[in-house]
Amino acid sequence: MNSTSAQAHDILYYDGQCPLCLKEMKHLARLKDDQLVLQDIHQLHDDEGLPSKAQLLETLHLRRDDQWLTGVDASVAAWQHTQWGPLWRWMRWPLIAPIMDWGYRHWARW
């Protein structure tokens, strides 16, 4: 599931030991473009500039150049690398985003 590309702009860090996360990443891997790298947190070596492993495991993280997106923002950004990306944008609409963030925080605790 770990893929690399010299031209990749976004890196999505996910928990490869979470069955639900792994299922979504396998699906995303089939649909994504070459500008997204999927990185299992458990395959990382200590690397300067990354949040701690505990932080990465707490919530989904996406790195875009020097910017970090987390939670629902990270998921929506990752799916923008697929043909289905526009269908995910509603999750960030102003009235819906707080509800989605609340739901994600509760789900991510599992």
PDB file of N, CA and C in Angstrom:
ATOM      1  N   MET A   1       0.821  -1.185   0.000  1.00  0.00           N
ATOM      2  CA  MET A   1       0.000   0.000   0.000  1.00  0.00           C
ATOM      3  C   MET A   1       0.868   1.253   0.000  1.00  0.00           C
ATOM      4  N   ASN A   2       2.126   1.124   0.321  1.00  0.00           N
ATOM      5  CA  ASN A   2       3.020   2.268   0.352  1.00  0.00           C
ATOM      6  C   ASN A   2       3.492   2.555  -1.062  1.00  0.00           C
ATOM      7  N   SER A   3       3.231   3.773  -1.550  1.00  0.00           N
ATOM      8  CA  SER A   3       3.669   4.139  -2.885  1.00  0.00           C
ATOM      9  C   SER A   3       4.416   5.451  -2.794  1.00  0.00           C
ATOM     10  N   THR A   4       5.366   5.647  -3.705  1.00  0.00           N
ATOM     11  CA  THR A   4       6.142   6.877  -3.695  1.00  0.00           C
ATOM     12  C   THR A   4       6.173   7.466  -5.086  1.00  0.00           C
ATOM     13  N   SER A   5       6.355   8.764  -5.120  1.00  0.00           N
ATOM     14  CA  SER A   5       6.449   9.476  -6.383  1.00  0.00           C
ATOM     15  C   SER A   5       7.214  10.756  -6.151  1.00  0.00           C
ATOM     16  N   ALA A   6       8.225  11.028  -6.978  1.00  0.00           N
ATOM     17  CA  ALA A   6       9.027  12.233  -6.823  1.00  0.00           C
ATOM     18  C   ALA A   6       8.185  13.483  -7.029  1.00  0.00           C
ATOM     19  N   GLN A   7       7.085  13.385  -7.773  1.00  0.00           N
ATOM     20  CA  GLN A   7       6.261  14.545  -8.070  1.00  0.00           C
ATOM     21  C   GLN A   7       5.031  14.637  -7.159  1.00  0.00           C
ATOM     22  N   ALA A   8       4.915  13.763  -6.178  1.00  0.00           N
ATOM     23  CA  ALA A   8       3.726  13.755  -5.335  1.00  0.00           C
ATOM     24  C   ALA A   8       3.636  15.042  -4.542  1.00  0.00           C
ATOM     25  N   HIS A   9       2.444  15.587  -4.487  1.00  0.00           N
ATOM     26  CA  HIS A   9       2.201  16.805  -3.733  1.00  0.00           C
ATOM     27  C   HIS A   9       1.597  16.508  -2.372  1.00  0.00           C
ATOM     28  N   ASP A  10       0.811  15.482  -2.276  1.00  0.00           N
ATOM     29  CA  ASP A  10       0.101  15.158  -1.040  1.00  0.00           C
ATOM     30  C   ASP A  10       0.516  13.777  -0.541  1.00  0.00           C
ATOM     31  N   ILE A  11       0.691  13.688   0.783  1.00  0.00           N
ATOM     32  CA  ILE A  11       0.973  12.397   1.424  1.00  0.00           C
ATOM     33  C   ILE A  11      -0.094  12.193   2.484  1.00  0.00           C
ATOM     34  N   LEU A  12      -0.813  11.110   2.380  1.00  0.00           N
ATOM     35  CA  LEU A  12      -1.857  10.774   3.347  1.00  0.00           C
ATOM     36  C   LEU A  12      -1.300   9.720   4.289  1.00  0.00           C
ATOM     37  N   TYR A  13      -1.248  10.046   5.572  1.00  0.00           N
ATOM     38  CA  TYR A  13      -0.749   9.145   6.606  1.00  0.00           C
ATOM     39  C   TYR A  13      -1.943   8.448   7.247  1.00  0.00           C
ATOM     40  N   TYR A  14      -1.924   7.124   7.240  1.00  0.00           N
ATOM     41  CA  TYR A  14      -3.067   6.357   7.747  1.00  0.00           C
ATOM     42  C   TYR A  14      -2.585   5.215   8.642  1.00  0.00           C
ATOM     43  N   ASP A  15      -3.491   4.699   9.438  1.00  0.00           N
ATOM     44  CA  ASP A  15      -3.215   3.606  10.356  1.00  0.00           C
ATOM     45  C   ASP A  15      -3.432   2.285   9.623  1.00  0.00           C
ATOM     46  N   GLY A  16      -2.358   1.649   9.223  1.00  0.00           N
ATOM     47  CA  GLY A  16      -2.430   0.393   8.486  1.00  0.00           C
ATOM     48  C   GLY A  16      -2.837  -0.797   9.338  1.00  0.00           C
ATOM     49  N   GLN A  17      -3.003  -0.596  10.648  1.00  0.00           N
ATOM     50  CA  GLN A  17      -3.458  -1.672  11.524  1.00  0.00           C
ATOM     51  C   GLN A  17      -4.936  -1.551  11.862  1.00  0.00           C
ATOM     52  N   CYS A  18      -5.577  -0.526  11.344  1.00  0.00           N
ATOM     53  CA  CYS A  18      -7.011  -0.322  11.535  1.00  0.00           C
ATOM     54  C   CYS A  18      -7.743  -0.954  10.351  1.00  0.00           C
ATOM     55  N   PRO A  19      -8.557  -1.986  10.575  1.00  0.00           N
ATOM     56  CA  PRO A  19      -9.226  -2.662   9.455  1.00  0.00           C
ATOM     57  C   PRO A  19     -10.079  -1.725   8.598  1.00  0.00           C
ATOM     58  N   LEU A  20     -10.812  -0.822   9.219  1.00  0.00           N
ATOM     59  CA  LEU A  20     -11.644   0.101   8.456  1.00  0.00           C
ATOM     60  C   LEU A  20     -10.794   1.072   7.638  1.00  0.00           C
ATOM     61  N   CYS A  21      -9.729   1.597   8.258  1.00  0.00           N
ATOM     62  CA  CYS A  21      -8.817   2.514   7.552  1.00  0.00           C
ATOM     63  C   CYS A  21      -8.156   1.795   6.368  1.00  0.00           C
ATOM     64  N   LEU A  22      -7.706   0.582   6.609  1.00  0.00           N
ATOM     65  CA  LEU A  22      -7.037  -0.187   5.564  1.00  0.00           C
ATOM     66  C   LEU A  22      -7.977  -0.457   4.395  1.00  0.00           C
ATOM     67  N   LYS A  23      -9.219  -0.753   4.699  1.00  0.00           N
ATOM     68  CA  LYS A  23     -10.203  -0.991   3.633  1.00  0.00           C
ATOM     69  C   LYS A  23     -10.388   0.260   2.783  1.00  0.00           C
ATOM     70  N   GLU A  24     -10.515   1.433   3.439  1.00  0.00           N
ATOM     71  CA  GLU A  24     -10.674   2.676   2.689  1.00  0.00           C
ATOM     72  C   GLU A  24      -9.422   2.977   1.859  1.00  0.00           C
ATOM     73  N   MET A  25      -8.231   2.732   2.418  1.00  0.00           N
ATOM     74  CA  MET A  25      -6.990   3.029   1.688  1.00  0.00           C
ATOM     75  C   MET A  25      -6.825   2.118   0.472  1.00  0.00           C
ATOM     76  N   LYS A  26      -7.241   0.870   0.584  1.00  0.00           N
ATOM     77  CA  LYS A  26      -7.177  -0.031  -0.568  1.00  0.00           C
ATOM     78  C   LYS A  26      -8.100   0.471  -1.674  1.00  0.00           C
ATOM     79  N   HIS A  27      -9.257   0.944  -1.291  1.00  0.00           N
ATOM     80  CA  HIS A  27     -10.206   1.494  -2.263  1.00  0.00           C
ATOM     81  C   HIS A  27      -9.638   2.780  -2.872  1.00  0.00           C
ATOM     82  N   LEU A  28      -9.126   3.661  -2.043  1.00  0.00           N
ATOM     83  CA  LEU A  28      -8.538   4.910  -2.514  1.00  0.00           C
ATOM     84  C   LEU A  28      -7.341   4.645  -3.425  1.00  0.00           C
ATOM     85  N   ALA A  29      -6.547   3.649  -3.096  1.00  0.00           N
ATOM     86  CA  ALA A  29      -5.363   3.323  -3.904  1.00  0.00           C
ATOM     87  C   ALA A  29      -5.737   2.946  -5.339  1.00  0.00           C
ATOM     88  N   ARG A  30      -6.864   2.282  -5.504  1.00  0.00           N
ATOM     89  CA  ARG A  30      -7.309   1.884  -6.844  1.00  0.00           C
ATOM     90  C   ARG A  30      -7.776   3.084  -7.667  1.00  0.00           C
ATOM     91  N   LEU A  31      -8.263   4.123  -6.997  1.00  0.00           N
ATOM     92  CA  LEU A  31      -8.893   5.248  -7.694  1.00  0.00           C
ATOM     93  C   LEU A  31      -8.024   6.492  -7.815  1.00  0.00           C
ATOM     94  N   LYS A  32      -7.013   6.623  -6.995  1.00  0.00           N
ATOM     95  CA  LYS A  32      -6.246   7.867  -6.898  1.00  0.00           C
ATOM     96  C   LYS A  32      -5.339   8.115  -8.099  1.00  0.00           C
ATOM     97  N   ASP A  33      -4.930   9.384  -8.228  1.00  0.00           N
ATOM     98  CA  ASP A  33      -3.953   9.741  -9.247  1.00  0.00           C
ATOM     99  C   ASP A  33      -2.541   9.610  -8.660  1.00  0.00           C
ATOM    100  N   ASP A  34      -1.535   9.922  -9.468  1.00  0.00           N
ATOM    101  CA  ASP A  34      -0.143   9.778  -9.038  1.00  0.00           C
ATOM    102  C   ASP A  34       0.321  10.898  -8.112  1.00  0.00           C
ATOM    103  N   GLN A  35      -0.506  11.878  -7.878  1.00  0.00           N
ATOM    104  CA  GLN A  35      -0.124  13.012  -7.037  1.00  0.00           C
ATOM    105  C   GLN A  35      -0.440  12.793  -5.563  1.00  0.00           C
ATOM    106  N   LEU A  36      -0.913  11.606  -5.211  1.00  0.00           N
ATOM    107  CA  LEU A  36      -1.208  11.271  -3.820  1.00  0.00           C
ATOM    108  C   LEU A  36      -0.423  10.029  -3.436  1.00  0.00           C
ATOM    109  N   VAL A  37       0.304  10.121  -2.332  1.00  0.00           N
ATOM    110  CA  VAL A  37       1.046   8.994  -1.771  1.00  0.00           C
ATOM    111  C   VAL A  37       0.316   8.539  -0.520  1.00  0.00           C
ATOM    112  N   LEU A  38       0.091   7.246  -0.412  1.00  0.00           N
ATOM    113  CA  LEU A  38      -0.529   6.666   0.784  1.00  0.00           C
ATOM    114  C   LEU A  38       0.581   6.085   1.647  1.00  0.00           C
ATOM    115  N   GLN A  39       0.680   6.548   2.892  1.00  0.00           N
ATOM    116  CA  GLN A  39       1.770   6.137   3.773  1.00  0.00           C
ATOM    117  C   GLN A  39       1.223   5.535   5.060  1.00  0.00           C
ATOM    118  N   ASP A  40       1.495   4.249   5.251  1.00  0.00           N
ATOM    119  CA  ASP A  40       1.128   3.574   6.499  1.00  0.00           C
ATOM    120  C   ASP A  40       2.016   4.123   7.612  1.00  0.00           C
ATOM    121  N   ILE A  41       1.417   4.617   8.662  1.00  0.00           N
ATOM    122  CA  ILE A  41       2.158   5.191   9.783  1.00  0.00           C
ATOM    123  C   ILE A  41       3.113   4.172  10.396  1.00  0.00           C
ATOM    124  N   HIS A  42       2.723   2.915  10.404  1.00  0.00           N
ATOM    125  CA  HIS A  42       3.527   1.871  11.029  1.00  0.00           C
ATOM    126  C   HIS A  42       4.761   1.511  10.203  1.00  0.00           C
ATOM    127  N   GLN A  43       4.863   2.021   9.000  1.00  0.00           N
ATOM    128  CA  GLN A  43       6.027   1.780   8.142  1.00  0.00           C
ATOM    129  C   GLN A  43       7.012   2.949   8.180  1.00  0.00           C
ATOM    130  N   LEU A  44       6.703   3.972   8.962  1.00  0.00           N
ATOM    131  CA  LEU A  44       7.563   5.157   9.032  1.00  0.00           C
ATOM    132  C   LEU A  44       8.760   4.924   9.934  1.00  0.00           C
ATOM    133  N   HIS A  45       9.836   5.591   9.609  1.00  0.00           N
ATOM    134  CA  HIS A  45      10.999   5.689  10.483  1.00  0.00           C
ATOM    135  C   HIS A  45      10.938   7.076  11.102  1.00  0.00           C
ATOM    136  N   ASP A  46      11.608   7.262  12.216  1.00  0.00           N
ATOM    137  CA  ASP A  46      11.631   8.595  12.821  1.00  0.00           C
ATOM    138  C   ASP A  46      12.117   9.589  11.792  1.00  0.00           C
ATOM    139  N   ASP A  47      11.313  10.605  11.543  1.00  0.00           N
ATOM    140  CA  ASP A  47      11.615  11.579  10.498  1.00  0.00           C
ATOM    141  C   ASP A  47      11.345  12.976  11.042  1.00  0.00           C
ATOM    142  N   GLU A  48      12.324  13.817  10.969  1.00  0.00           N
ATOM    143  CA  GLU A  48      12.161  15.192  11.428  1.00  0.00           C
ATOM    144  C   GLU A  48      11.080  15.887  10.607  1.00  0.00           C
ATOM    145  N   GLY A  49      10.277  16.666  11.278  1.00  0.00           N
ATOM    146  CA  GLY A  49       9.231  17.406  10.578  1.00  0.00           C
ATOM    147  C   GLY A  49       7.879  16.732  10.588  1.00  0.00           C
ATOM    148  N   LEU A  50       7.814  15.487  11.039  1.00  0.00           N
ATOM    149  CA  LEU A  50       6.528  14.791  11.125  1.00  0.00           C
ATOM    150  C   LEU A  50       5.995  14.872  12.549  1.00  0.00           C
ATOM    151  N   PRO A  51       4.688  14.909  12.690  1.00  0.00           N
ATOM    152  CA  PRO A  51       4.120  14.787  14.041  1.00  0.00           C
ATOM    153  C   PRO A  51       4.525  13.438  14.631  1.00  0.00           C
ATOM    154  N   SER A  52       4.390  13.290  15.925  1.00  0.00           N
ATOM    155  CA  SER A  52       4.725  12.019  16.569  1.00  0.00           C
ATOM    156  C   SER A  52       3.806  10.915  16.035  1.00  0.00           C
ATOM    157  N   LYS A  53       4.246   9.689  16.202  1.00  0.00           N
ATOM    158  CA  LYS A  53       3.430   8.550  15.777  1.00  0.00           C
ATOM    159  C   LYS A  53       2.089   8.561  16.504  1.00  0.00           C
ATOM    160  N   ALA A  54       2.105   8.923  17.776  1.00  0.00           N
ATOM    161  CA  ALA A  54       0.857   8.986  18.554  1.00  0.00           C
ATOM    162  C   ALA A  54      -0.099  10.011  17.956  1.00  0.00           C
ATOM    163  N   GLN A  55       0.418  11.160  17.549  1.00  0.00           N
ATOM    164  CA  GLN A  55      -0.434  12.179  16.929  1.00  0.00           C
ATOM    165  C   GLN A  55      -0.978  11.692  15.594  1.00  0.00           C
ATOM    166  N   LEU A  56      -0.121  11.042  14.803  1.00  0.00           N
ATOM    167  CA  LEU A  56      -0.560  10.547  13.502  1.00  0.00           C
ATOM    168  C   LEU A  56      -1.630   9.477  13.653  1.00  0.00           C
ATOM    169  N   LEU A  57      -1.550   8.681  14.722  1.00  0.00           N
ATOM    170  CA  LEU A  57      -2.536   7.630  14.948  1.00  0.00           C
ATOM    171  C   LEU A  57      -3.852   8.180  15.486  1.00  0.00           C
ATOM    172  N   GLU A  58      -3.804   9.358  16.073  1.00  0.00           N
ATOM    173  CA  GLU A  58      -4.998   9.961  16.656  1.00  0.00           C
ATOM    174  C   GLU A  58      -6.030  10.357  15.608  1.00  0.00           C
ATOM    175  N   THR A  59      -5.554  10.829  14.474  1.00  0.00           N
ATOM    176  CA  THR A  59      -6.441  11.307  13.418  1.00  0.00           C
ATOM    177  C   THR A  59      -5.719  11.213  12.081  1.00  0.00           C
ATOM    178  N   LEU A  60      -6.473  11.161  11.022  1.00  0.00           N
ATOM    179  CA  LEU A  60      -5.917  11.128   9.672  1.00  0.00           C
ATOM    180  C   LEU A  60      -5.158  12.427   9.415  1.00  0.00           C
ATOM    181  N   HIS A  61      -3.977  12.329   8.813  1.00  0.00           N
ATOM    182  CA  HIS A  61      -3.164  13.494   8.471  1.00  0.00           C
ATOM    183  C   HIS A  61      -2.830  13.465   6.985  1.00  0.00           C
ATOM    184  N   LEU A  62      -2.884  14.616   6.347  1.00  0.00           N
ATOM    185  CA  LEU A  62      -2.453  14.757   4.958  1.00  0.00           C
ATOM    186  C   LEU A  62      -1.481  15.927   4.908  1.00  0.00           C
ATOM    187  N   ARG A  63      -0.309  15.672   4.322  1.00  0.00           N
ATOM    188  CA  ARG A  63       0.711  16.710   4.167  1.00  0.00           C
ATOM    189  C   ARG A  63       0.717  17.180   2.725  1.00  0.00           C
ATOM    190  N   ARG A  64       0.545  18.465   2.559  1.00  0.00           N
ATOM    191  CA  ARG A  64       0.571  19.098   1.241  1.00  0.00           C
ATOM    192  C   ARG A  64       1.649  20.171   1.305  1.00  0.00           C
ATOM    193  N   ASP A  65       2.797  19.851   0.738  1.00  0.00           N
ATOM    194  CA  ASP A  65       3.961  20.735   0.832  1.00  0.00           C
ATOM    195  C   ASP A  65       4.232  21.021   2.314  1.00  0.00           C
ATOM    196  N   ASP A  66       4.110  22.262   2.764  1.00  0.00           N
ATOM    197  CA  ASP A  66       4.355  22.612   4.168  1.00  0.00           C
ATOM    198  C   ASP A  66       3.077  22.708   4.987  1.00  0.00           C
ATOM    199  N   GLN A  67       1.952  22.362   4.403  1.00  0.00           N
ATOM    200  CA  GLN A  67       0.658  22.478   5.069  1.00  0.00           C
ATOM    201  C   GLN A  67       0.189  21.103   5.536  1.00  0.00           C
ATOM    202  N   TRP A  68      -0.417  21.064   6.726  1.00  0.00           N
ATOM    203  CA  TRP A  68      -1.000  19.837   7.259  1.00  0.00           C
ATOM    204  C   TRP A  68      -2.506  19.972   7.345  1.00  0.00           C
ATOM    205  N   LEU A  69      -3.213  18.968   6.856  1.00  0.00           N
ATOM    206  CA  LEU A  69      -4.663  18.867   7.010  1.00  0.00           C
ATOM    207  C   LEU A  69      -4.920  17.636   7.869  1.00  0.00           C
ATOM    208  N   THR A  70      -5.941  17.706   8.714  1.00  0.00           N
ATOM    209  CA  THR A  70      -6.247  16.569   9.581  1.00  0.00           C
ATOM    210  C   THR A  70      -7.726  16.244   9.512  1.00  0.00           C
ATOM    211  N   GLY A  71      -8.055  15.039   9.972  1.00  0.00           N
ATOM    212  CA  GLY A  71      -9.447  14.611  10.091  1.00  0.00           C
ATOM    213  C   GLY A  71     -10.195  14.634   8.769  1.00  0.00           C
ATOM    214  N   VAL A  72     -11.384  15.219   8.804  1.00  0.00           N
ATOM    215  CA  VAL A  72     -12.242  15.271   7.619  1.00  0.00           C
ATOM    216  C   VAL A  72     -11.574  16.074   6.505  1.00  0.00           C
ATOM    217  N   ASP A  73     -10.869  17.155   6.875  1.00  0.00           N
ATOM    218  CA  ASP A  73     -10.165  17.946   5.854  1.00  0.00           C
ATOM    219  C   ASP A  73      -9.165  17.078   5.090  1.00  0.00           C
ATOM    220  N   ALA A  74      -8.432  16.215   5.805  1.00  0.00           N
ATOM    221  CA  ALA A  74      -7.461  15.329   5.173  1.00  0.00           C
ATOM    222  C   ALA A  74      -8.149  14.326   4.249  1.00  0.00           C
ATOM    223  N   SER A  75      -9.245  13.764   4.702  1.00  0.00           N
ATOM    224  CA  SER A  75      -9.978  12.787   3.900  1.00  0.00           C
ATOM    225  C   SER A  75     -10.526  13.420   2.625  1.00  0.00           C
ATOM    226  N   VAL A  76     -11.160  14.574   2.781  1.00  0.00           N
ATOM    227  CA  VAL A  76     -11.732  15.259   1.614  1.00  0.00           C
ATOM    228  C   VAL A  76     -10.623  15.624   0.629  1.00  0.00           C
ATOM    229  N   ALA A  77      -9.489  16.120   1.139  1.00  0.00           N
ATOM    230  CA  ALA A  77      -8.370  16.484   0.261  1.00  0.00           C
ATOM    231  C   ALA A  77      -7.827  15.263  -0.474  1.00  0.00           C
ATOM    232  N   ALA A  78      -7.722  14.134   0.216  1.00  0.00           N
ATOM    233  CA  ALA A  78      -7.224  12.913  -0.422  1.00  0.00           C
ATOM    234  C   ALA A  78      -8.146  12.462  -1.553  1.00  0.00           C
ATOM    235  N   TRP A  79      -9.451  12.513  -1.305  1.00  0.00           N
ATOM    236  CA  TRP A  79     -10.410  12.065  -2.318  1.00  0.00           C
ATOM    237  C   TRP A  79     -10.474  13.008  -3.513  1.00  0.00           C
ATOM    238  N   GLN A  80      -9.903  14.205  -3.382  1.00  0.00           N
ATOM    239  CA  GLN A  80      -9.841  15.111  -4.532  1.00  0.00           C
ATOM    240  C   GLN A  80      -8.891  14.574  -5.595  1.00  0.00           C
ATOM    241  N   HIS A  81      -8.090  13.584  -5.230  1.00  0.00           N
ATOM    242  CA  HIS A  81      -7.175  12.938  -6.175  1.00  0.00           C
ATOM    243  C   HIS A  81      -7.852  11.807  -6.947  1.00  0.00           C
ATOM    244  N   THR A  82      -9.165  11.745  -6.871  1.00  0.00           N
ATOM    245  CA  THR A  82      -9.929  10.739  -7.609  1.00  0.00           C
ATOM    246  C   THR A  82     -11.006  11.445  -8.440  1.00  0.00           C
ATOM    247  N   GLN A  83     -11.617  10.691  -9.318  1.00  0.00           N
ATOM    248  CA  GLN A  83     -12.716  11.268 -10.108  1.00  0.00           C
ATOM    249  C   GLN A  83     -13.930  11.570  -9.234  1.00  0.00           C
ATOM    250  N   TRP A  84     -13.975  11.011  -8.027  1.00  0.00           N
ATOM    251  CA  TRP A  84     -15.112  11.192  -7.127  1.00  0.00           C
ATOM    252  C   TRP A  84     -14.918  12.356  -6.163  1.00  0.00           C
ATOM    253  N   GLY A  85     -13.813  13.056  -6.256  1.00  0.00           N
ATOM    254  CA  GLY A  85     -13.500  14.146  -5.342  1.00  0.00           C
ATOM    255  C   GLY A  85     -14.599  15.176  -5.145  1.00  0.00           C
ATOM    256  N   PRO A  86     -15.217  15.673  -6.216  1.00  0.00           N
ATOM    257  CA  PRO A  86     -16.262  16.683  -6.028  1.00  0.00           C
ATOM    258  C   PRO A  86     -17.432  16.213  -5.160  1.00  0.00           C
ATOM    259  N   LEU A  87     -17.668  14.911  -5.118  1.00  0.00           N
ATOM    260  CA  LEU A  87     -18.772  14.387  -4.314  1.00  0.00           C
ATOM    261  C   LEU A  87     -18.490  14.460  -2.811  1.00  0.00           C
ATOM    262  N   TRP A  88     -17.257  14.682  -2.436  1.00  0.00           N
ATOM    263  CA  TRP A  88     -16.876  14.758  -1.025  1.00  0.00           C
ATOM    264  C   TRP A  88     -16.876  16.186  -0.500  1.00  0.00           C
ATOM    265  N   ARG A  89     -16.891  17.175  -1.344  1.00  0.00           N
ATOM    266  CA  ARG A  89     -16.732  18.571  -0.912  1.00  0.00           C
ATOM    267  C   ARG A  89     -17.843  19.075  -0.005  1.00  0.00           C
ATOM    268  N   TRP A  90     -19.023  18.508  -0.121  1.00  0.00           N
ATOM    269  CA  TRP A  90     -20.138  18.956   0.716  1.00  0.00           C
ATOM    270  C   TRP A  90     -19.814  18.801   2.195  1.00  0.00           C
ATOM    271  N   MET A  91     -18.914  17.906   2.539  1.00  0.00           N
ATOM    272  CA  MET A  91     -18.555  17.686   3.934  1.00  0.00           C
ATOM    273  C   MET A  91     -17.886  18.903   4.568  1.00  0.00           C
ATOM    274  N   ARG A  92     -17.440  19.836   3.748  1.00  0.00           N
ATOM    275  CA  ARG A  92     -16.769  21.031   4.259  1.00  0.00           C
ATOM    276  C   ARG A  92     -17.633  22.274   4.125  1.00  0.00           C
ATOM    277  N   TRP A  93     -18.870  22.134   3.716  1.00  0.00           N
ATOM    278  CA  TRP A  93     -19.779  23.281   3.664  1.00  0.00           C
ATOM    279  C   TRP A  93     -19.924  23.839   5.079  1.00  0.00           C
ATOM    280  N   PRO A  94     -20.045  25.150   5.210  1.00  0.00           N
ATOM    281  CA  PRO A  94     -20.042  25.791   6.536  1.00  0.00           C
ATOM    282  C   PRO A  94     -21.030  25.222   7.558  1.00  0.00           C
ATOM    283  N   LEU A  95     -22.227  24.898   7.178  1.00  0.00           N
ATOM    284  CA  LEU A  95     -23.192  24.381   8.152  1.00  0.00           C
ATOM    285  C   LEU A  95     -22.997  22.895   8.456  1.00  0.00           C
ATOM    286  N   ILE A  96     -22.363  22.187   7.549  1.00  0.00           N
ATOM    287  CA  ILE A  96     -22.186  20.744   7.707  1.00  0.00           C
ATOM    288  C   ILE A  96     -20.837  20.403   8.328  1.00  0.00           C
ATOM    289  N   ALA A  97     -19.798  21.198   8.056  1.00  0.00           N
ATOM    290  CA  ALA A  97     -18.443  20.901   8.531  1.00  0.00           C
ATOM    291  C   ALA A  97     -18.372  20.663  10.045  1.00  0.00           C
ATOM    292  N   PRO A  98     -18.989  21.484  10.888  1.00  0.00           N
ATOM    293  CA  PRO A  98     -18.902  21.218  12.335  1.00  0.00           C
ATOM    294  C   PRO A  98     -19.511  19.873  12.731  1.00  0.00           C
ATOM    295  N   ILE A  99     -20.574  19.484  12.076  1.00  0.00           N
ATOM    296  CA  ILE A  99     -21.215  18.192  12.368  1.00  0.00           C
ATOM    297  C   ILE A  99     -20.299  17.048  11.936  1.00  0.00           C
ATOM    298  N   MET A 100     -19.712  17.182  10.769  1.00  0.00           N
ATOM    299  CA  MET A 100     -18.794  16.153  10.274  1.00  0.00           C
ATOM    300  C   MET A 100     -17.572  16.044  11.178  1.00  0.00           C
ATOM    301  N   ASP A 101     -17.038  17.190  11.612  1.00  0.00           N
ATOM    302  CA  ASP A 101     -15.873  17.187  12.496  1.00  0.00           C
ATOM    303  C   ASP A 101     -16.198  16.512  13.821  1.00  0.00           C
ATOM    304  N   TRP A 102     -17.377  16.803  14.384  1.00  0.00           N
ATOM    305  CA  TRP A 102     -17.798  16.183  15.627  1.00  0.00           C
ATOM    306  C   TRP A 102     -17.903  14.663  15.447  1.00  0.00           C
ATOM    307  N   GLY A 103     -18.550  14.240  14.386  1.00  0.00           N
ATOM    308  CA  GLY A 103     -18.694  12.810  14.117  1.00  0.00           C
ATOM    309  C   GLY A 103     -17.353  12.126  13.914  1.00  0.00           C
ATOM    310  N   TYR A 104     -16.455  12.783  13.194  1.00  0.00           N
ATOM    311  CA  TYR A 104     -15.134  12.188  12.948  1.00  0.00           C
ATOM    312  C   TYR A 104     -14.358  12.041  14.252  1.00  0.00           C
ATOM    313  N   ARG A 105     -14.389  13.072  15.101  1.00  0.00           N
ATOM    314  CA  ARG A 105     -13.659  12.998  16.375  1.00  0.00           C
ATOM    315  C   ARG A 105     -14.136  11.805  17.198  1.00  0.00           C
ATOM    316  N   HIS A 106     -15.433  11.568  17.225  1.00  0.00           N
ATOM    317  CA  HIS A 106     -15.967  10.440  17.996  1.00  0.00           C
ATOM    318  C   HIS A 106     -15.611   9.102  17.342  1.00  0.00           C
ATOM    319  N   TRP A 107     -15.675   9.048  16.036  1.00  0.00           N
ATOM    320  CA  TRP A 107     -15.324   7.814  15.317  1.00  0.00           C
ATOM    321  C   TRP A 107     -13.838   7.513  15.472  1.00  0.00           C
ATOM    322  N   ALA A 108     -12.978   8.543  15.371  1.00  0.00           N
ATOM    323  CA  ALA A 108     -11.520   8.345  15.404  1.00  0.00           C
ATOM    324  C   ALA A 108     -11.042   7.807  16.748  1.00  0.00           C
ATOM    325  N   ARG A 109     -11.795   8.014  17.808  1.00  0.00           N
ATOM    326  CA  ARG A 109     -11.399   7.499  19.118  1.00  0.00           C
ATOM    327  C   ARG A 109     -11.374   5.972  19.158  1.00  0.00           C
ATOM    328  N   TRP A 110     -12.165   5.346  18.307  1.00  0.00           N
ATOM    329  CA  TRP A 110     -12.192   3.877  18.251  1.00  0.00           C
ATOM    330  C   TRP A 110     -10.852   3.360  17.849  1.00  0.00           C
TER     331      TRP A 110
END
